[in-house]
């Protein structure tokens, strides 16, 4: 995990004042607001600086975002936020920036101007080379502990999709693939096939929603 203080030379060169190794939530928020060009998360007092998203990562995020937004056009049950919208988890012990998050209408009162204050109904993380342990382990455990209803990991490095739903015991349960589909338990009728994100070109949102029976 890369912390701000481990990159002091880089950020000082860019004119960004480095934070000490352990900071409060208030200190992190003030620093993040003063340096909006720096992509950073905060967890248990440590500031995690993330590399800028690459072209493939960005392209996949846009495709997924458009697919989900088009789904919600036809089934308006909530809203999609991201990729730079912060989530305040675990009563202020963590602030993460998922690639995408879904908030059901019943939780819309938790959406603030600059962050979501609570546990999103669904979170999507797209794995980057520098985020594998963060997405598969650290964020998995944080999202589970926070009560996120569903967590999707989309991994361009291994061409793999993993999805988890929150079980009755508060632990994530892997959503098994059935008939080539990984089906959401939060978004009624929505699913992904593992081959879709890696296809060239990727299938259009309209064609996929027709297959799902949404349109």
C-alpha atoms as a PDB file:
ATOM      1  CA  UNK A   1       0.000   0.000   0.000  1.00  0.00           C
ATOM      2  CA  UNK A   2       1.449   3.353  -1.015  1.00  0.00           C
ATOM      3  CA  UNK A   3       0.891   6.166   1.449  1.00  0.00           C
ATOM      4  CA  UNK A   4       1.296   9.877   0.822  1.00  0.00           C
ATOM      5  CA  UNK A   5       4.304  10.191   3.076  1.00  0.00           C
ATOM      6  CA  UNK A   6       6.080   7.459   1.087  1.00  0.00           C
ATOM      7  CA  UNK A   7       5.797   9.684  -2.013  1.00  0.00           C
ATOM      8  CA  UNK A   8       6.858  12.967  -0.466  1.00  0.00           C
ATOM      9  CA  UNK A   9       9.298  13.854  -3.238  1.00  0.00           C
ATOM     10  CA  UNK A  10       6.751  13.218  -5.981  1.00  0.00           C
ATOM     11  CA  UNK A  11       3.995  15.279  -4.447  1.00  0.00           C
ATOM     12  CA  UNK A  12       6.268  18.053  -3.234  1.00  0.00           C
ATOM     13  CA  UNK A  13       7.594  18.405  -6.783  1.00  0.00           C
ATOM     14  CA  UNK A  14       4.001  18.834  -7.927  1.00  0.00           C
ATOM     15  CA  UNK A  15       3.468  21.495  -5.268  1.00  0.00           C
ATOM     16  CA  UNK A  16       1.293  19.256  -3.079  1.00  0.00           C
ATOM     17  CA  UNK A  17       2.031  19.345   0.624  1.00  0.00           C
ATOM     18  CA  UNK A  18       2.549  15.823   1.950  1.00  0.00           C
ATOM     19  CA  UNK A  19       0.539  14.528   4.893  1.00  0.00           C
ATOM     20  CA  UNK A  20       2.099  12.855   7.916  1.00  0.00           C
ATOM     21  CA  UNK A  21       1.824   9.064   8.113  1.00  0.00           C
ATOM     22  CA  UNK A  22      -1.298   8.963  10.303  1.00  0.00           C
ATOM     23  CA  UNK A  23      -4.004  11.592   9.936  1.00  0.00           C
ATOM     24  CA  UNK A  24      -7.566  12.137  11.077  1.00  0.00           C
ATOM     25  CA  UNK A  25     -10.544  12.043   8.736  1.00  0.00           C
ATOM     26  CA  UNK A  26     -10.856  15.822   9.028  1.00  0.00           C
ATOM     27  CA  UNK A  27      -7.202  16.313   8.053  1.00  0.00           C
ATOM     28  CA  UNK A  28      -7.571  14.002   5.054  1.00  0.00           C
ATOM     29  CA  UNK A  29     -10.760  15.712   3.834  1.00  0.00           C
ATOM     30  CA  UNK A  30      -9.133  19.162   4.089  1.00  0.00           C
ATOM     31  CA  UNK A  31      -6.052  17.909   2.218  1.00  0.00           C
ATOM     32  CA  UNK A  32      -8.138  16.182  -0.483  1.00  0.00           C
ATOM     33  CA  UNK A  33     -10.250  19.292  -1.037  1.00  0.00           C
ATOM     34  CA  UNK A  34      -7.093  21.396  -1.346  1.00  0.00           C
ATOM     35  CA  UNK A  35      -5.585  18.926  -3.866  1.00  0.00           C
ATOM     36  CA  UNK A  36      -8.448  17.733  -6.087  1.00  0.00           C
ATOM     37  CA  UNK A  37      -6.097  16.523  -8.833  1.00  0.00           C
ATOM     38  CA  UNK A  38      -4.655  13.823  -6.551  1.00  0.00           C
ATOM     39  CA  UNK A  39      -6.610  10.534  -6.467  1.00  0.00           C
ATOM     40  CA  UNK A  40      -6.420   9.329  -2.890  1.00  0.00           C
ATOM     41  CA  UNK A  41      -8.344   7.237  -0.401  1.00  0.00           C
ATOM     42  CA  UNK A  42      -8.133   7.113   3.386  1.00  0.00           C
ATOM     43  CA  UNK A  43      -8.476   4.117   5.674  1.00  0.00           C
ATOM     44  CA  UNK A  44      -7.738   3.696   9.382  1.00  0.00           C
ATOM     45  CA  UNK A  45      -5.668   6.894   9.384  1.00  0.00           C
ATOM     46  CA  UNK A  46      -3.533   6.056   6.325  1.00  0.00           C
ATOM     47  CA  UNK A  47      -3.764   7.961   3.055  1.00  0.00           C
ATOM     48  CA  UNK A  48      -3.551   5.784  -0.054  1.00  0.00           C
ATOM     49  CA  UNK A  49      -2.491   7.542  -3.262  1.00  0.00           C
ATOM     50  CA  UNK A  50      -3.713   5.844  -6.430  1.00  0.00           C
ATOM     51  CA  UNK A  51      -2.189   5.984  -9.875  1.00  0.00           C
ATOM     52  CA  UNK A  52      -4.231   7.720 -12.596  1.00  0.00           C
ATOM     53  CA  UNK A  53      -6.525   5.341 -14.471  1.00  0.00           C
ATOM     54  CA  UNK A  54      -5.108   3.976 -17.726  1.00  0.00           C
ATOM     55  CA  UNK A  55      -6.824   4.006 -21.102  1.00  0.00           C
ATOM     56  CA  UNK A  56      -8.188   0.433 -20.904  1.00  0.00           C
ATOM     57  CA  UNK A  57      -9.401   0.959 -17.341  1.00  0.00           C
ATOM     58  CA  UNK A  58     -11.120   4.201 -18.327  1.00  0.00           C
ATOM     59  CA  UNK A  59     -12.718   2.650 -21.420  1.00  0.00           C
ATOM     60  CA  UNK A  60     -14.110  -0.243 -19.384  1.00  0.00           C
ATOM     61  CA  UNK A  61     -15.422   2.114 -16.698  1.00  0.00           C
ATOM     62  CA  UNK A  62     -17.256   4.208 -19.298  1.00  0.00           C
ATOM     63  CA  UNK A  63     -18.779   1.099 -20.900  1.00  0.00           C
ATOM     64  CA  UNK A  64     -20.005  -0.299 -17.579  1.00  0.00           C
ATOM     65  CA  UNK A  65     -21.294   3.091 -16.508  1.00  0.00           C
ATOM     66  CA  UNK A  66     -23.280   3.537 -19.716  1.00  0.00           C
ATOM     67  CA  UNK A  67     -24.682  -0.001 -19.465  1.00  0.00           C
ATOM     68  CA  UNK A  68     -25.863   0.597 -15.892  1.00  0.00           C
ATOM     69  CA  UNK A  69     -27.207   4.067 -16.647  1.00  0.00           C
ATOM     70  CA  UNK A  70     -29.188   2.681 -19.592  1.00  0.00           C
ATOM     71  CA  UNK A  71     -30.558  -0.064 -17.339  1.00  0.00           C
ATOM     72  CA  UNK A  72     -31.699   2.582 -14.853  1.00  0.00           C
ATOM     73  CA  UNK A  73     -33.339   4.584 -17.652  1.00  0.00           C
ATOM     74  CA  UNK A  74     -35.696   1.637 -18.067  1.00  0.00           C
ATOM     75  CA  UNK A  75     -35.854   0.617 -14.406  1.00  0.00           C
ATOM     76  CA  UNK A  76     -35.440   3.835 -12.391  1.00  0.00           C
ATOM     77  CA  UNK A  77     -34.777   2.290  -8.986  1.00  0.00           C
ATOM     78  CA  UNK A  78     -31.821   4.471  -7.965  1.00  0.00           C
ATOM     79  CA  UNK A  79     -28.721   6.187  -9.311  1.00  0.00           C
ATOM     80  CA  UNK A  80     -25.182   5.410 -10.436  1.00  0.00           C
ATOM     81  CA  UNK A  81     -22.310   7.505  -9.069  1.00  0.00           C
ATOM     82  CA  UNK A  82     -18.599   7.525  -9.879  1.00  0.00           C
ATOM     83  CA  UNK A  83     -15.865   7.210 -10.834  1.00  0.00           C
ATOM     84  CA  UNK A  84     -14.583  10.023  -8.608  1.00  0.00           C
ATOM     85  CA  UNK A  85     -17.322  10.037  -5.983  1.00  0.00           C
ATOM     86  CA  UNK A  86     -16.118   9.241  -2.480  1.00  0.00           C
ATOM     87  CA  UNK A  87     -17.805   6.822  -0.077  1.00  0.00           C
ATOM     88  CA  UNK A  88     -17.541   7.307   3.690  1.00  0.00           C
ATOM     89  CA  UNK A  89     -17.631   3.843   5.251  1.00  0.00           C
ATOM     90  CA  UNK A  90     -17.717   2.348   8.743  1.00  0.00           C
ATOM     91  CA  UNK A  91     -18.781   5.470  10.549  1.00  0.00           C
ATOM     92  CA  UNK A  92     -15.846   7.508   9.303  1.00  0.00           C
ATOM     93  CA  UNK A  93     -13.036   4.939   9.544  1.00  0.00           C
ATOM     94  CA  UNK A  94     -12.593   4.753   5.785  1.00  0.00           C
ATOM     95  CA  UNK A  95     -13.109   6.878   2.676  1.00  0.00           C
ATOM     96  CA  UNK A  96     -12.941   5.006  -0.616  1.00  0.00           C
ATOM     97  CA  UNK A  97     -13.457   5.966  -4.267  1.00  0.00           C
ATOM     98  CA  UNK A  98     -15.102   3.035  -6.087  1.00  0.00           C
ATOM     99  CA  UNK A  99     -15.052   2.968  -9.863  1.00  0.00           C
ATOM    100  CA  UNK A 100     -18.864   2.840  -9.769  1.00  0.00           C
ATOM    101  CA  UNK A 101     -21.515   2.623  -7.087  1.00  0.00           C
ATOM    102  CA  UNK A 102     -25.259   2.123  -7.161  1.00  0.00           C
ATOM    103  CA  UNK A 103     -27.525   3.787  -4.600  1.00  0.00           C
ATOM    104  CA  UNK A 104     -31.135   2.638  -4.327  1.00  0.00           C
ATOM    105  CA  UNK A 105     -33.840   5.265  -3.955  1.00  0.00           C
ATOM    106  CA  UNK A 106     -34.371   4.172  -0.360  1.00  0.00           C
ATOM    107  CA  UNK A 107     -30.816   5.308   0.420  1.00  0.00           C
ATOM    108  CA  UNK A 108     -30.795   8.532  -1.604  1.00  0.00           C
ATOM    109  CA  UNK A 109     -30.901  10.549   1.632  1.00  0.00           C
ATOM    110  CA  UNK A 110     -27.323   9.396   2.309  1.00  0.00           C
ATOM    111  CA  UNK A 111     -25.951  11.093  -0.815  1.00  0.00           C
ATOM    112  CA  UNK A 112     -24.088  14.258   0.160  1.00  0.00           C
ATOM    113  CA  UNK A 113     -22.655  16.935  -2.134  1.00  0.00           C
ATOM    114  CA  UNK A 114     -19.149  15.445  -2.130  1.00  0.00           C
ATOM    115  CA  UNK A 115     -19.606  11.873  -0.843  1.00  0.00           C
ATOM    116  CA  UNK A 116     -21.958   9.037   0.020  1.00  0.00           C
ATOM    117  CA  UNK A 117     -22.260   8.646   3.775  1.00  0.00           C
ATOM    118  CA  UNK A 118     -22.853   4.956   4.366  1.00  0.00           C
ATOM    119  CA  UNK A 119     -22.870   1.612   2.559  1.00  0.00           C
ATOM    120  CA  UNK A 120     -23.802   1.663  -1.146  1.00  0.00           C
ATOM    121  CA  UNK A 121     -26.182  -0.990  -2.402  1.00  0.00           C
ATOM    122  CA  UNK A 122     -23.676  -2.079  -5.045  1.00  0.00           C
ATOM    123  CA  UNK A 123     -19.997  -1.297  -5.639  1.00  0.00           C
ATOM    124  CA  UNK A 124     -17.940  -2.018  -8.769  1.00  0.00           C
ATOM    125  CA  UNK A 125     -14.136  -2.018  -8.683  1.00  0.00           C
ATOM    126  CA  UNK A 126     -12.060  -2.361 -11.867  1.00  0.00           C
ATOM    127  CA  UNK A 127      -8.697  -3.906 -11.053  1.00  0.00           C
ATOM    128  CA  UNK A 128      -5.503  -2.077 -12.050  1.00  0.00           C
ATOM    129  CA  UNK A 129      -1.943  -3.354 -11.815  1.00  0.00           C
ATOM    130  CA  UNK A 130      -1.385  -1.383  -8.603  1.00  0.00           C
ATOM    131  CA  UNK A 131      -4.761  -2.214  -7.033  1.00  0.00           C
ATOM    132  CA  UNK A 132      -4.957  -6.028  -7.038  1.00  0.00           C
ATOM    133  CA  UNK A 133      -4.384  -6.562  -3.314  1.00  0.00           C
ATOM    134  CA  UNK A 134      -6.425  -3.455  -2.506  1.00  0.00           C
ATOM    135  CA  UNK A 135      -9.473  -4.607  -4.504  1.00  0.00           C
ATOM    136  CA  UNK A 136      -9.348  -8.349  -3.839  1.00  0.00           C
ATOM    137  CA  UNK A 137      -8.457  -8.174  -0.159  1.00  0.00           C
ATOM    138  CA  UNK A 138      -8.583  -4.783   1.559  1.00  0.00           C
ATOM    139  CA  UNK A 139     -11.680  -3.343  -0.094  1.00  0.00           C
ATOM    140  CA  UNK A 140     -13.397  -6.733  -0.078  1.00  0.00           C
ATOM    141  CA  UNK A 141     -13.093  -6.873   3.712  1.00  0.00           C
ATOM    142  CA  UNK A 142     -14.062  -3.209   4.189  1.00  0.00           C
ATOM    143  CA  UNK A 143     -17.123  -3.431   1.966  1.00  0.00           C
ATOM    144  CA  UNK A 144     -18.171  -6.653   3.676  1.00  0.00           C
ATOM    145  CA  UNK A 145     -17.746  -5.165   7.165  1.00  0.00           C
ATOM    146  CA  UNK A 146     -19.656  -2.033   6.103  1.00  0.00           C
ATOM    147  CA  UNK A 147     -22.616  -4.051   4.847  1.00  0.00           C
ATOM    148  CA  UNK A 148     -22.378  -3.285   1.119  1.00  0.00           C
ATOM    149  CA  UNK A 149     -25.148  -5.426  -0.388  1.00  0.00           C
ATOM    150  CA  UNK A 150     -23.225  -6.428  -3.510  1.00  0.00           C
ATOM    151  CA  UNK A 151     -19.589  -6.136  -4.649  1.00  0.00           C
ATOM    152  CA  UNK A 152     -18.376  -6.683  -8.213  1.00  0.00           C
ATOM    153  CA  UNK A 153     -14.695  -7.035  -9.135  1.00  0.00           C
ATOM    154  CA  UNK A 154     -13.948  -6.646 -12.844  1.00  0.00           C
ATOM    155  CA  UNK A 155     -10.389  -7.714 -13.617  1.00  0.00           C
ATOM    156  CA  UNK A 156      -8.968  -6.813 -17.056  1.00  0.00           C
ATOM    157  CA  UNK A 157      -5.659  -8.455 -16.086  1.00  0.00           C
ATOM    158  CA  UNK A 158      -7.168 -11.940 -15.842  1.00  0.00           C
ATOM    159  CA  UNK A 159     -10.307 -11.336 -17.951  1.00  0.00           C
ATOM    160  CA  UNK A 160     -12.419 -12.357 -14.979  1.00  0.00           C
ATOM    161  CA  UNK A 161     -15.517 -11.050 -13.229  1.00  0.00           C
ATOM    162  CA  UNK A 162     -16.288 -11.908  -9.613  1.00  0.00           C
ATOM    163  CA  UNK A 163     -19.471 -10.829  -7.863  1.00  0.00           C
ATOM    164  CA  UNK A 164     -20.445 -11.203  -4.223  1.00  0.00           C
ATOM    165  CA  UNK A 165     -23.708 -10.648  -2.386  1.00  0.00           C
ATOM    166  CA  UNK A 166     -24.039 -10.021   1.328  1.00  0.00           C
ATOM    167  CA  UNK A 167     -25.336 -13.110   3.099  1.00  0.00           C
ATOM    168  CA  UNK A 168     -27.674 -13.225   6.069  1.00  0.00           C
ATOM    169  CA  UNK A 169     -24.659 -13.663   8.347  1.00  0.00           C
ATOM    170  CA  UNK A 170     -23.088 -10.410   7.118  1.00  0.00           C
ATOM    171  CA  UNK A 171     -20.427 -12.190   5.045  1.00  0.00           C
ATOM    172  CA  UNK A 172     -19.947 -11.995   1.291  1.00  0.00           C
ATOM    173  CA  UNK A 173     -21.099 -14.999  -0.728  1.00  0.00           C
ATOM    174  CA  UNK A 174     -19.800 -15.609  -4.244  1.00  0.00           C
ATOM    175  CA  UNK A 175     -22.504 -15.280  -6.895  1.00  0.00           C
ATOM    176  CA  UNK A 176     -22.117 -18.432  -8.964  1.00  0.00           C
ATOM    177  CA  UNK A 177     -22.200 -18.246 -12.734  1.00  0.00           C
ATOM    178  CA  UNK A 178     -25.281 -19.961 -14.148  1.00  0.00           C
ATOM    179  CA  UNK A 179     -25.920 -20.499 -17.850  1.00  0.00           C
ATOM    180  CA  UNK A 180     -22.951 -18.234 -18.562  1.00  0.00           C
ATOM    181  CA  UNK A 181     -24.501 -15.392 -16.543  1.00  0.00           C
ATOM    182  CA  UNK A 182     -23.389 -13.650 -13.354  1.00  0.00           C
ATOM    183  CA  UNK A 183     -26.684 -12.223 -12.129  1.00  0.00           C
ATOM    184  CA  UNK A 184     -27.095  -9.312  -9.744  1.00  0.00           C
ATOM    185  CA  UNK A 185     -29.187  -9.791  -6.605  1.00  0.00           C
ATOM    186  CA  UNK A 186     -29.627  -6.006  -6.293  1.00  0.00           C
ATOM    187  CA  UNK A 187     -30.466  -4.987  -9.868  1.00  0.00           C
ATOM    188  CA  UNK A 188     -33.443  -7.085 -10.931  1.00  0.00           C
ATOM    189  CA  UNK A 189     -32.859  -8.825 -14.246  1.00  0.00           C
ATOM    190  CA  UNK A 190     -29.315  -7.456 -14.677  1.00  0.00           C
ATOM    191  CA  UNK A 191     -26.402  -9.768 -15.377  1.00  0.00           C
ATOM    192  CA  UNK A 192     -23.019  -9.884 -17.054  1.00  0.00           C
ATOM    193  CA  UNK A 193     -21.424 -12.570 -19.165  1.00  0.00           C
ATOM    194  CA  UNK A 194     -17.719 -12.926 -18.532  1.00  0.00           C
ATOM    195  CA  UNK A 195     -16.811 -12.469 -22.199  1.00  0.00           C
ATOM    196  CA  UNK A 196     -18.615  -9.141 -22.689  1.00  0.00           C
ATOM    197  CA  UNK A 197     -16.059  -6.711 -21.161  1.00  0.00           C
ATOM    198  CA  UNK A 198     -13.164  -8.205 -23.151  1.00  0.00           C
ATOM    199  CA  UNK A 199     -14.879  -8.387 -26.542  1.00  0.00           C
ATOM    200  CA  UNK A 200     -13.596  -6.232 -29.427  1.00  0.00           C
ATOM    201  CA  UNK A 201     -15.707  -4.261 -29.946  1.00  0.00           C
ATOM    202  CA  UNK A 202     -17.704  -4.526 -26.762  1.00  0.00           C
ATOM    203  CA  UNK A 203     -21.425  -5.196 -27.261  1.00  0.00           C
ATOM    204  CA  UNK A 204     -23.700  -2.176 -27.081  1.00  0.00           C
ATOM    205  CA  UNK A 205     -25.793  -1.424 -24.020  1.00  0.00           C
ATOM    206  CA  UNK A 206     -29.001  -1.678 -26.047  1.00  0.00           C
ATOM    207  CA  UNK A 207     -28.167  -5.136 -27.399  1.00  0.00           C
ATOM    208  CA  UNK A 208     -27.329  -6.436 -23.919  1.00  0.00           C
ATOM    209  CA  UNK A 209     -30.447  -4.983 -22.315  1.00  0.00           C
ATOM    210  CA  UNK A 210     -32.524  -6.584 -25.065  1.00  0.00           C
ATOM    211  CA  UNK A 211     -30.944  -9.927 -24.213  1.00  0.00           C
ATOM    212  CA  UNK A 212     -31.736  -9.366 -20.523  1.00  0.00           C
ATOM    213  CA  UNK A 213     -35.346  -8.583 -21.401  1.00  0.00           C
ATOM    214  CA  UNK A 214     -35.080  -5.072 -19.963  1.00  0.00           C
ATOM    215  CA  UNK A 215     -36.032  -3.369 -23.242  1.00  0.00           C
END
